[in-house]
Amino acid sequence: MGPATAAAPGPAGRPRGPVPPAWHHLAVQTADLDASISWYEDFFDARTAWTLDTFSELTRRRLPGITRLAELTVGDLRFHLFTRGPEHSAPPPADTAQFQHVCLAVPSHEALKDWHDRWSHLYSSGRYRFARAEPATEIVIDPDGTCSFYAHDVNGVEFEFTYQPGGGDESAG
């Protein structure tokens, strides 16, 4: 077996799988790359790590019309924001599920409130046009004490921010 697998049996006698993956990035298609970069910089304090405007044949096959790509980073999080030609510039209908949501954990209830306030401030600032003109949800507390709220970025990508008082690593939603 290669270095990514182990010979010893795993749980219930099953062979162990490869080394567990770690989250590398979230890719977001946008109609306005510059506005998306600005929003991610303002909301997450992200920084642009690199940009591309030349792509491999594989990328051009998977994402016809791709024109620009930028990686933004904040801590260990990476966001790949990209734009495609005008025929791909309309956001999908609001009821189209590309994926349910992305959950980001925060270390305290105060941090959760800070993220909620930050989102609300940018939303009401008038500086951005949101694909889904919906305010962030209220902060809710589940029966197990997990606190969370949901909000969309300028492209309609839904984020959940969650705080678990016990330090668990499973999200509320």
N, C-alpha and C. Protein backbone atom coordinates (compact mmCIF):
# COMPACT_ATOMS: atom_id res chain seq x y z
N MET A 1 0.85 -1.19 0.00
CA MET A 1 0.00 0.00 0.00
C MET A 1 0.88 1.24 0.00
N GLY A 2 0.39 2.30 -0.63
CA GLY A 2 1.13 3.55 -0.69
C GLY A 2 1.08 4.28 0.63
N PRO A 3 1.76 5.40 0.71
CA PRO A 3 1.82 6.14 1.95
C PRO A 3 0.48 6.70 2.41
N ALA A 4 -0.52 6.76 1.54
CA ALA A 4 -1.80 7.34 1.93
C ALA A 4 -2.75 6.30 2.51
N THR A 5 -2.33 5.05 2.64
CA THR A 5 -3.20 4.03 3.20
C THR A 5 -2.47 3.31 4.32
N ALA A 6 -3.23 2.62 5.15
CA ALA A 6 -2.66 1.86 6.24
C ALA A 6 -3.08 0.40 6.09
N ALA A 7 -2.19 -0.53 6.44
CA ALA A 7 -2.48 -1.95 6.28
C ALA A 7 -3.36 -2.48 7.40
N ALA A 8 -3.31 -1.86 8.58
CA ALA A 8 -4.08 -2.36 9.73
C ALA A 8 -5.57 -2.15 9.48
N PRO A 9 -6.39 -3.08 9.98
CA PRO A 9 -7.84 -2.93 9.79
C PRO A 9 -8.38 -1.71 10.53
N GLY A 10 -9.45 -1.15 9.99
CA GLY A 10 -10.12 0.00 10.61
C GLY A 10 -11.27 -0.48 11.47
N PRO A 11 -12.20 0.41 11.78
CA PRO A 11 -13.37 0.04 12.59
C PRO A 11 -14.13 -1.11 11.96
N ALA A 12 -14.66 -1.97 12.78
CA ALA A 12 -15.48 -3.12 12.35
C ALA A 12 -14.73 -4.02 11.38
N GLY A 13 -13.40 -4.04 11.47
CA GLY A 13 -12.62 -4.93 10.63
C GLY A 13 -12.46 -4.49 9.19
N ARG A 14 -13.03 -3.33 8.84
CA ARG A 14 -12.88 -2.83 7.45
C ARG A 14 -11.46 -2.32 7.26
N PRO A 15 -10.95 -2.43 6.04
CA PRO A 15 -9.63 -1.85 5.78
C PRO A 15 -9.68 -0.34 5.97
N ARG A 16 -8.61 0.21 6.47
CA ARG A 16 -8.55 1.66 6.64
C ARG A 16 -8.48 2.32 5.27
N GLY A 17 -9.13 3.44 5.16
CA GLY A 17 -9.11 4.19 3.91
C GLY A 17 -7.88 5.08 3.84
N PRO A 18 -7.84 5.93 2.85
CA PRO A 18 -6.72 6.86 2.72
C PRO A 18 -6.71 7.84 3.88
N VAL A 19 -5.62 8.55 4.02
CA VAL A 19 -5.52 9.59 5.03
C VAL A 19 -6.68 10.56 4.82
N PRO A 20 -7.39 10.94 5.88
CA PRO A 20 -8.55 11.83 5.70
C PRO A 20 -8.14 13.14 5.03
N PRO A 21 -8.98 13.62 4.13
CA PRO A 21 -8.66 14.89 3.47
C PRO A 21 -8.92 16.06 4.39
N ALA A 22 -8.32 17.18 4.07
CA ALA A 22 -8.58 18.43 4.77
C ALA A 22 -9.21 19.39 3.77
N TRP A 23 -10.02 20.31 4.25
CA TRP A 23 -10.65 21.26 3.36
C TRP A 23 -9.57 22.15 2.76
N HIS A 24 -9.55 22.29 1.44
CA HIS A 24 -8.57 23.12 0.76
C HIS A 24 -9.16 24.47 0.38
N HIS A 25 -10.28 24.50 -0.33
CA HIS A 25 -10.90 25.76 -0.71
C HIS A 25 -12.37 25.58 -1.05
N LEU A 26 -13.07 26.69 -1.08
CA LEU A 26 -14.44 26.75 -1.56
C LEU A 26 -14.38 27.56 -2.85
N ALA A 27 -14.90 27.01 -3.94
CA ALA A 27 -14.92 27.72 -5.22
C ALA A 27 -16.29 28.35 -5.43
N VAL A 28 -16.31 29.61 -5.81
CA VAL A 28 -17.55 30.35 -6.00
C VAL A 28 -17.51 31.02 -7.37
N GLN A 29 -18.48 30.66 -8.22
CA GLN A 29 -18.63 31.34 -9.51
C GLN A 29 -19.39 32.62 -9.29
N THR A 30 -18.92 33.69 -9.90
CA THR A 30 -19.55 34.99 -9.73
C THR A 30 -19.65 35.72 -11.06
N ALA A 31 -20.64 36.58 -11.18
CA ALA A 31 -20.78 37.40 -12.38
C ALA A 31 -19.90 38.63 -12.31
N ASP A 32 -19.47 39.02 -11.11
CA ASP A 32 -18.65 40.23 -10.93
C ASP A 32 -17.50 39.91 -9.98
N LEU A 33 -16.37 39.51 -10.56
CA LEU A 33 -15.23 39.09 -9.75
C LEU A 33 -14.72 40.21 -8.85
N ASP A 34 -14.59 41.40 -9.38
CA ASP A 34 -14.06 42.50 -8.57
C ASP A 34 -14.94 42.80 -7.36
N ALA A 35 -16.26 42.80 -7.56
CA ALA A 35 -17.17 43.05 -6.44
C ALA A 35 -17.11 41.91 -5.42
N SER A 36 -16.98 40.67 -5.90
CA SER A 36 -16.87 39.53 -4.98
C SER A 36 -15.58 39.59 -4.18
N ILE A 37 -14.48 39.91 -4.85
CA ILE A 37 -13.20 40.05 -4.13
C ILE A 37 -13.35 41.11 -3.05
N SER A 38 -13.94 42.25 -3.40
CA SER A 38 -14.12 43.33 -2.44
C SER A 38 -14.96 42.88 -1.24
N TRP A 39 -16.07 42.15 -1.52
CA TRP A 39 -16.93 41.69 -0.42
C TRP A 39 -16.18 40.73 0.50
N TYR A 40 -15.46 39.76 -0.06
CA TYR A 40 -14.71 38.81 0.76
C TYR A 40 -13.60 39.51 1.55
N GLU A 41 -12.99 40.54 0.96
CA GLU A 41 -11.99 41.32 1.71
C GLU A 41 -12.67 42.06 2.85
N ASP A 42 -13.82 42.68 2.58
CA ASP A 42 -14.51 43.45 3.62
C ASP A 42 -15.10 42.57 4.70
N PHE A 43 -15.74 41.47 4.32
CA PHE A 43 -16.41 40.64 5.32
C PHE A 43 -15.43 39.75 6.08
N PHE A 44 -14.60 39.02 5.36
CA PHE A 44 -13.68 38.08 6.01
C PHE A 44 -12.30 38.66 6.32
N ASP A 45 -12.01 39.88 5.89
CA ASP A 45 -10.65 40.43 5.94
C ASP A 45 -9.69 39.56 5.13
N ALA A 46 -10.21 38.97 4.07
CA ALA A 46 -9.40 38.09 3.21
C ALA A 46 -8.40 38.93 2.41
N ARG A 47 -7.36 38.26 1.96
CA ARG A 47 -6.33 38.87 1.12
C ARG A 47 -6.20 38.06 -0.16
N THR A 48 -5.99 38.73 -1.26
CA THR A 48 -5.79 38.03 -2.53
C THR A 48 -4.40 37.41 -2.54
N ALA A 49 -4.34 36.09 -2.67
CA ALA A 49 -3.07 35.38 -2.71
C ALA A 49 -2.51 35.33 -4.12
N TRP A 50 -3.38 35.10 -5.10
CA TRP A 50 -2.96 35.05 -6.50
C TRP A 50 -4.17 35.17 -7.40
N THR A 51 -3.92 35.48 -8.68
CA THR A 51 -4.96 35.53 -9.69
C THR A 51 -4.47 34.82 -10.95
N LEU A 52 -5.41 34.33 -11.74
CA LEU A 52 -5.10 33.68 -13.02
C LEU A 52 -6.04 34.20 -14.10
N ASP A 53 -5.52 34.25 -15.32
CA ASP A 53 -6.37 34.51 -16.47
C ASP A 53 -6.01 33.59 -17.64
N THR A 54 -5.16 32.60 -17.38
CA THR A 54 -4.79 31.55 -18.33
C THR A 54 -5.06 30.22 -17.66
N PHE A 55 -5.73 29.28 -18.39
CA PHE A 55 -6.20 28.07 -17.75
C PHE A 55 -5.83 26.82 -18.55
N SER A 56 -5.73 25.70 -17.86
CA SER A 56 -5.43 24.42 -18.49
C SER A 56 -6.62 23.99 -19.35
N GLU A 57 -6.36 23.04 -20.22
CA GLU A 57 -7.42 22.48 -21.06
C GLU A 57 -8.50 21.84 -20.17
N LEU A 58 -8.09 21.15 -19.11
CA LEU A 58 -9.05 20.53 -18.20
C LEU A 58 -9.97 21.59 -17.59
N THR A 59 -9.40 22.67 -17.09
CA THR A 59 -10.22 23.74 -16.50
C THR A 59 -11.16 24.33 -17.54
N ARG A 60 -10.68 24.58 -18.75
CA ARG A 60 -11.55 25.14 -19.80
C ARG A 60 -12.66 24.17 -20.18
N ARG A 61 -12.40 22.86 -20.12
CA ARG A 61 -13.45 21.86 -20.40
C ARG A 61 -14.49 21.85 -19.29
N ARG A 62 -14.04 21.88 -18.04
CA ARG A 62 -14.96 21.83 -16.90
C ARG A 62 -15.75 23.12 -16.73
N LEU A 63 -15.11 24.25 -17.03
CA LEU A 63 -15.73 25.55 -16.80
C LEU A 63 -15.66 26.38 -18.08
N PRO A 64 -16.43 26.01 -19.10
CA PRO A 64 -16.37 26.75 -20.36
C PRO A 64 -16.57 28.24 -20.14
N GLY A 65 -15.75 29.03 -20.80
CA GLY A 65 -15.88 30.48 -20.71
C GLY A 65 -15.17 31.11 -19.54
N ILE A 66 -14.45 30.32 -18.70
CA ILE A 66 -13.76 30.91 -17.55
C ILE A 66 -12.79 31.99 -18.03
N THR A 67 -12.82 33.13 -17.34
CA THR A 67 -11.97 34.24 -17.76
C THR A 67 -10.98 34.67 -16.69
N ARG A 68 -11.39 34.63 -15.43
CA ARG A 68 -10.49 35.04 -14.34
C ARG A 68 -10.76 34.21 -13.10
N LEU A 69 -9.71 34.04 -12.31
CA LEU A 69 -9.80 33.28 -11.06
C LEU A 69 -8.89 33.96 -10.05
N ALA A 70 -9.36 34.08 -8.82
CA ALA A 70 -8.55 34.65 -7.74
C ALA A 70 -8.68 33.76 -6.51
N GLU A 71 -7.55 33.55 -5.82
CA GLU A 71 -7.59 32.87 -4.53
C GLU A 71 -7.47 33.93 -3.45
N LEU A 72 -8.44 33.90 -2.53
CA LEU A 72 -8.40 34.78 -1.38
C LEU A 72 -8.21 33.92 -0.14
N THR A 73 -7.42 34.40 0.80
CA THR A 73 -7.15 33.62 2.00
C THR A 73 -7.43 34.45 3.25
N VAL A 74 -7.85 33.75 4.27
CA VAL A 74 -7.99 34.32 5.60
C VAL A 74 -7.71 33.18 6.56
N GLY A 75 -6.63 33.28 7.32
CA GLY A 75 -6.21 32.16 8.16
C GLY A 75 -5.99 30.95 7.29
N ASP A 76 -6.57 29.82 7.69
CA ASP A 76 -6.46 28.58 6.91
C ASP A 76 -7.55 28.43 5.86
N LEU A 77 -8.46 29.39 5.75
CA LEU A 77 -9.52 29.31 4.75
C LEU A 77 -9.03 29.85 3.41
N ARG A 78 -9.45 29.18 2.35
CA ARG A 78 -9.16 29.64 0.99
C ARG A 78 -10.46 29.68 0.20
N PHE A 79 -10.64 30.77 -0.52
CA PHE A 79 -11.79 30.92 -1.40
C PHE A 79 -11.26 31.12 -2.81
N HIS A 80 -11.76 30.33 -3.76
CA HIS A 80 -11.43 30.51 -5.17
C HIS A 80 -12.65 31.16 -5.82
N LEU A 81 -12.51 32.40 -6.20
CA LEU A 81 -13.57 33.15 -6.85
C LEU A 81 -13.25 33.22 -8.33
N PHE A 82 -14.24 32.91 -9.18
CA PHE A 82 -13.96 32.93 -10.61
C PHE A 82 -15.16 33.44 -11.37
N THR A 83 -14.88 33.93 -12.56
CA THR A 83 -15.92 34.43 -13.44
C THR A 83 -15.79 33.76 -14.80
N ARG A 84 -16.92 33.65 -15.47
CA ARG A 84 -16.97 33.06 -16.81
C ARG A 84 -17.58 34.07 -17.75
N GLY A 85 -17.64 33.76 -19.01
CA GLY A 85 -18.16 34.67 -20.02
C GLY A 85 -19.60 35.09 -19.74
N PRO A 86 -20.10 36.06 -20.52
CA PRO A 86 -21.44 36.61 -20.28
C PRO A 86 -22.55 35.57 -20.33
N GLU A 87 -22.37 34.51 -21.09
CA GLU A 87 -23.42 33.49 -21.17
C GLU A 87 -23.55 32.70 -19.87
N HIS A 88 -22.59 32.88 -18.95
CA HIS A 88 -22.62 32.18 -17.66
C HIS A 88 -22.72 33.16 -16.49
N SER A 89 -23.14 34.39 -16.75
CA SER A 89 -23.05 35.41 -15.71
C SER A 89 -24.27 35.51 -14.80
N ALA A 90 -25.39 34.96 -15.19
CA ALA A 90 -26.58 35.05 -14.35
C ALA A 90 -26.48 34.05 -13.20
N PRO A 91 -26.82 34.48 -11.98
CA PRO A 91 -26.81 33.52 -10.88
C PRO A 91 -27.92 32.49 -11.09
N PRO A 92 -27.76 31.28 -10.52
CA PRO A 92 -28.81 30.29 -10.66
C PRO A 92 -30.06 30.76 -9.92
N PRO A 93 -31.23 30.23 -10.29
CA PRO A 93 -32.45 30.59 -9.56
C PRO A 93 -32.27 30.32 -8.06
N ALA A 94 -32.92 31.12 -7.24
CA ALA A 94 -32.76 31.03 -5.78
C ALA A 94 -33.10 29.64 -5.24
N ASP A 95 -33.99 28.90 -5.91
CA ASP A 95 -34.38 27.60 -5.39
C ASP A 95 -33.53 26.46 -5.97
N THR A 96 -32.46 26.77 -6.69
CA THR A 96 -31.57 25.75 -7.22
C THR A 96 -30.51 25.42 -6.18
N ALA A 97 -30.45 24.18 -5.77
CA ALA A 97 -29.47 23.78 -4.76
C ALA A 97 -28.19 23.32 -5.44
N GLN A 98 -27.14 24.14 -5.37
CA GLN A 98 -25.84 23.71 -5.85
C GLN A 98 -25.16 22.92 -4.75
N PHE A 99 -25.33 23.34 -3.55
CA PHE A 99 -25.00 22.62 -2.33
C PHE A 99 -25.78 23.32 -1.24
N GLN A 100 -25.93 22.70 -0.11
CA GLN A 100 -26.79 23.28 0.92
C GLN A 100 -26.18 24.52 1.56
N HIS A 101 -25.03 24.39 2.20
CA HIS A 101 -24.36 25.53 2.82
C HIS A 101 -22.95 25.15 3.24
N VAL A 102 -22.18 26.15 3.57
CA VAL A 102 -20.83 25.97 4.11
C VAL A 102 -20.88 26.41 5.55
N CYS A 103 -20.38 25.59 6.45
CA CYS A 103 -20.41 25.93 7.88
C CYS A 103 -19.01 26.28 8.36
N LEU A 104 -18.90 27.42 9.03
CA LEU A 104 -17.64 27.86 9.61
C LEU A 104 -17.83 27.98 11.12
N ALA A 105 -16.92 27.38 11.87
CA ALA A 105 -16.99 27.41 13.33
C ALA A 105 -16.26 28.63 13.88
N VAL A 106 -16.82 29.19 14.94
CA VAL A 106 -16.19 30.31 15.64
C VAL A 106 -15.96 29.90 17.10
N PRO A 107 -15.01 30.55 17.79
CA PRO A 107 -14.60 30.09 19.12
C PRO A 107 -15.47 30.52 20.29
N SER A 108 -16.43 31.45 20.08
CA SER A 108 -17.21 31.93 21.22
C SER A 108 -18.54 32.51 20.73
N HIS A 109 -19.46 32.66 21.68
CA HIS A 109 -20.74 33.28 21.35
C HIS A 109 -20.52 34.74 20.96
N GLU A 110 -19.59 35.41 21.61
CA GLU A 110 -19.27 36.80 21.26
C GLU A 110 -18.75 36.90 19.83
N ALA A 111 -17.90 35.96 19.43
CA ALA A 111 -17.40 35.95 18.05
C ALA A 111 -18.55 35.74 17.06
N LEU A 112 -19.50 34.89 17.43
CA LEU A 112 -20.65 34.65 16.58
C LEU A 112 -21.45 35.95 16.40
N LYS A 113 -21.67 36.66 17.49
CA LYS A 113 -22.38 37.94 17.41
C LYS A 113 -21.59 38.94 16.56
N ASP A 114 -20.27 38.94 16.70
CA ASP A 114 -19.44 39.86 15.90
C ASP A 114 -19.60 39.58 14.41
N TRP A 115 -19.58 38.29 14.01
CA TRP A 115 -19.75 37.94 12.59
C TRP A 115 -21.14 38.35 12.11
N HIS A 116 -22.15 38.14 12.94
CA HIS A 116 -23.52 38.53 12.57
C HIS A 116 -23.60 40.04 12.37
N ASP A 117 -23.02 40.79 13.31
CA ASP A 117 -23.03 42.25 13.19
C ASP A 117 -22.27 42.72 11.95
N ARG A 118 -21.14 42.09 11.69
CA ARG A 118 -20.33 42.47 10.53
C ARG A 118 -21.11 42.24 9.23
N TRP A 119 -21.77 41.07 9.13
CA TRP A 119 -22.56 40.78 7.94
C TRP A 119 -23.69 41.80 7.80
N SER A 120 -24.39 42.07 8.88
CA SER A 120 -25.52 43.01 8.85
C SER A 120 -25.06 44.40 8.43
N HIS A 121 -23.91 44.81 8.91
CA HIS A 121 -23.37 46.13 8.55
C HIS A 121 -23.09 46.20 7.06
N LEU A 122 -22.42 45.20 6.50
CA LEU A 122 -22.12 45.22 5.06
C LEU A 122 -23.39 45.10 4.23
N TYR A 123 -24.33 44.30 4.68
CA TYR A 123 -25.60 44.13 3.95
C TYR A 123 -26.35 45.45 3.85
N SER A 124 -26.41 46.17 4.96
CA SER A 124 -27.19 47.42 4.99
C SER A 124 -26.39 48.62 4.48
N SER A 125 -25.10 48.45 4.19
CA SER A 125 -24.27 49.58 3.76
C SER A 125 -24.63 50.09 2.37
N GLY A 126 -25.27 49.25 1.56
CA GLY A 126 -25.59 49.64 0.19
C GLY A 126 -24.41 49.53 -0.76
N ARG A 127 -23.27 49.07 -0.29
CA ARG A 127 -22.08 48.95 -1.13
C ARG A 127 -22.13 47.73 -2.04
N TYR A 128 -23.01 46.77 -1.73
CA TYR A 128 -23.05 45.52 -2.49
C TYR A 128 -24.45 45.20 -2.95
N ARG A 129 -24.54 44.56 -4.11
CA ARG A 129 -25.80 44.04 -4.60
C ARG A 129 -25.77 42.54 -4.37
N PHE A 130 -26.68 42.03 -3.59
CA PHE A 130 -26.72 40.62 -3.24
C PHE A 130 -27.64 39.86 -4.19
N ALA A 131 -27.19 38.69 -4.65
CA ALA A 131 -28.00 37.85 -5.53
C ALA A 131 -29.28 37.42 -4.81
N ARG A 132 -29.19 37.24 -3.51
CA ARG A 132 -30.36 36.93 -2.69
C ARG A 132 -30.50 38.03 -1.66
N ALA A 133 -31.45 38.90 -1.87
CA ALA A 133 -31.64 40.06 -1.00
C ALA A 133 -32.38 39.64 0.27
N GLU A 134 -31.71 38.85 1.08
CA GLU A 134 -32.28 38.35 2.33
C GLU A 134 -31.34 38.70 3.47
N PRO A 135 -31.87 39.22 4.56
CA PRO A 135 -30.99 39.49 5.70
C PRO A 135 -30.50 38.18 6.32
N ALA A 136 -29.46 38.30 7.12
CA ALA A 136 -28.99 37.13 7.88
C ALA A 136 -30.10 36.68 8.82
N THR A 137 -30.12 35.39 9.11
CA THR A 137 -31.09 34.90 10.09
C THR A 137 -30.69 35.40 11.47
N GLU A 138 -31.61 35.29 12.40
CA GLU A 138 -31.26 35.58 13.78
C GLU A 138 -30.33 34.48 14.29
N ILE A 139 -29.64 34.76 15.37
CA ILE A 139 -28.82 33.73 16.01
C ILE A 139 -29.76 32.83 16.79
N VAL A 140 -29.70 31.54 16.53
CA VAL A 140 -30.55 30.58 17.22
C VAL A 140 -29.69 29.70 18.11
N ILE A 141 -30.31 29.18 19.16
CA ILE A 141 -29.62 28.27 20.08
C ILE A 141 -30.39 26.95 20.06
N ASP A 142 -29.71 25.90 19.64
CA ASP A 142 -30.31 24.57 19.59
C ASP A 142 -30.38 23.98 20.99
N PRO A 143 -31.20 22.92 21.19
CA PRO A 143 -31.33 22.30 22.51
C PRO A 143 -29.99 21.86 23.12
N ASP A 144 -29.00 21.52 22.28
CA ASP A 144 -27.71 21.10 22.82
C ASP A 144 -26.79 22.28 23.13
N GLY A 145 -27.28 23.53 22.94
CA GLY A 145 -26.49 24.71 23.25
C GLY A 145 -25.74 25.28 22.05
N THR A 146 -25.77 24.60 20.91
CA THR A 146 -25.10 25.09 19.72
C THR A 146 -25.81 26.35 19.23
N CYS A 147 -25.03 27.38 18.96
CA CYS A 147 -25.56 28.66 18.48
C CYS A 147 -25.14 28.83 17.02
N SER A 148 -26.04 29.37 16.20
CA SER A 148 -25.68 29.57 14.80
C SER A 148 -26.58 30.59 14.13
N PHE A 149 -26.10 31.08 12.99
CA PHE A 149 -26.92 31.89 12.09
C PHE A 149 -26.49 31.60 10.67
N TYR A 150 -27.36 31.95 9.72
CA TYR A 150 -27.11 31.73 8.30
C TYR A 150 -27.19 33.07 7.57
N ALA A 151 -26.33 33.22 6.56
CA ALA A 151 -26.32 34.42 5.73
C ALA A 151 -25.71 34.08 4.38
N HIS A 152 -26.09 34.84 3.36
CA HIS A 152 -25.57 34.62 2.00
C HIS A 152 -24.49 35.62 1.65
N ASP A 153 -23.54 35.19 0.83
CA ASP A 153 -22.57 36.14 0.29
C ASP A 153 -23.22 36.85 -0.90
N VAL A 154 -22.48 37.71 -1.58
CA VAL A 154 -23.04 38.49 -2.68
C VAL A 154 -23.47 37.63 -3.86
N ASN A 155 -22.97 36.38 -3.93
CA ASN A 155 -23.30 35.49 -5.04
C ASN A 155 -24.44 34.53 -4.72
N GLY A 156 -24.94 34.55 -3.50
CA GLY A 156 -25.99 33.65 -3.09
C GLY A 156 -25.51 32.39 -2.39
N VAL A 157 -24.19 32.28 -2.13
CA VAL A 157 -23.65 31.14 -1.39
C VAL A 157 -24.05 31.29 0.08
N GLU A 158 -24.66 30.24 0.63
CA GLU A 158 -25.11 30.32 2.02
C GLU A 158 -24.01 29.85 2.97
N PHE A 159 -23.74 30.67 3.98
CA PHE A 159 -22.79 30.33 5.04
C PHE A 159 -23.55 30.16 6.34
N GLU A 160 -23.17 29.13 7.08
CA GLU A 160 -23.61 28.99 8.46
C GLU A 160 -22.41 29.32 9.33
N PHE A 161 -22.62 30.14 10.34
CA PHE A 161 -21.59 30.40 11.35
C PHE A 161 -22.09 29.74 12.62
N THR A 162 -21.24 28.95 13.25
CA THR A 162 -21.70 28.19 14.41
C THR A 162 -20.70 28.27 15.56
N TYR A 163 -21.24 28.23 16.77
CA TYR A 163 -20.44 28.15 17.98
C TYR A 163 -21.00 27.02 18.83
N GLN A 164 -20.12 26.12 19.26
CA GLN A 164 -20.53 25.02 20.12
C GLN A 164 -19.83 25.19 21.46
N PRO A 165 -20.58 25.48 22.51
CA PRO A 165 -19.99 25.71 23.82
C PRO A 165 -19.12 24.56 24.32
N GLY A 166 -19.48 23.32 23.99
CA GLY A 166 -18.68 22.18 24.43
C GLY A 166 -17.45 21.92 23.59
N GLY A 167 -17.27 22.70 22.53
CA GLY A 167 -16.11 22.52 21.67
C GLY A 167 -16.23 21.40 20.67
N GLY A 168 -17.46 20.85 20.48
CA GLY A 168 -17.64 19.78 19.50
C GLY A 168 -17.35 20.28 18.10
N ASP A 169 -17.15 19.34 17.18
CA ASP A 169 -16.81 19.77 15.83
C ASP A 169 -17.90 19.44 14.82
N GLU A 170 -19.11 19.19 15.28
CA GLU A 170 -20.21 18.97 14.34
C GLU A 170 -21.04 20.23 14.30
N SER A 171 -21.48 20.60 13.11
CA SER A 171 -22.25 21.84 12.97
C SER A 171 -23.69 21.66 13.42
N ALA A 172 -24.34 22.81 13.57
CA ALA A 172 -25.75 22.80 13.98
C ALA A 172 -26.65 22.43 12.82
N GLY A 173 -26.19 22.61 11.60
CA GLY A 173 -27.09 22.38 10.48
C GLY A 173 -26.40 21.60 9.46
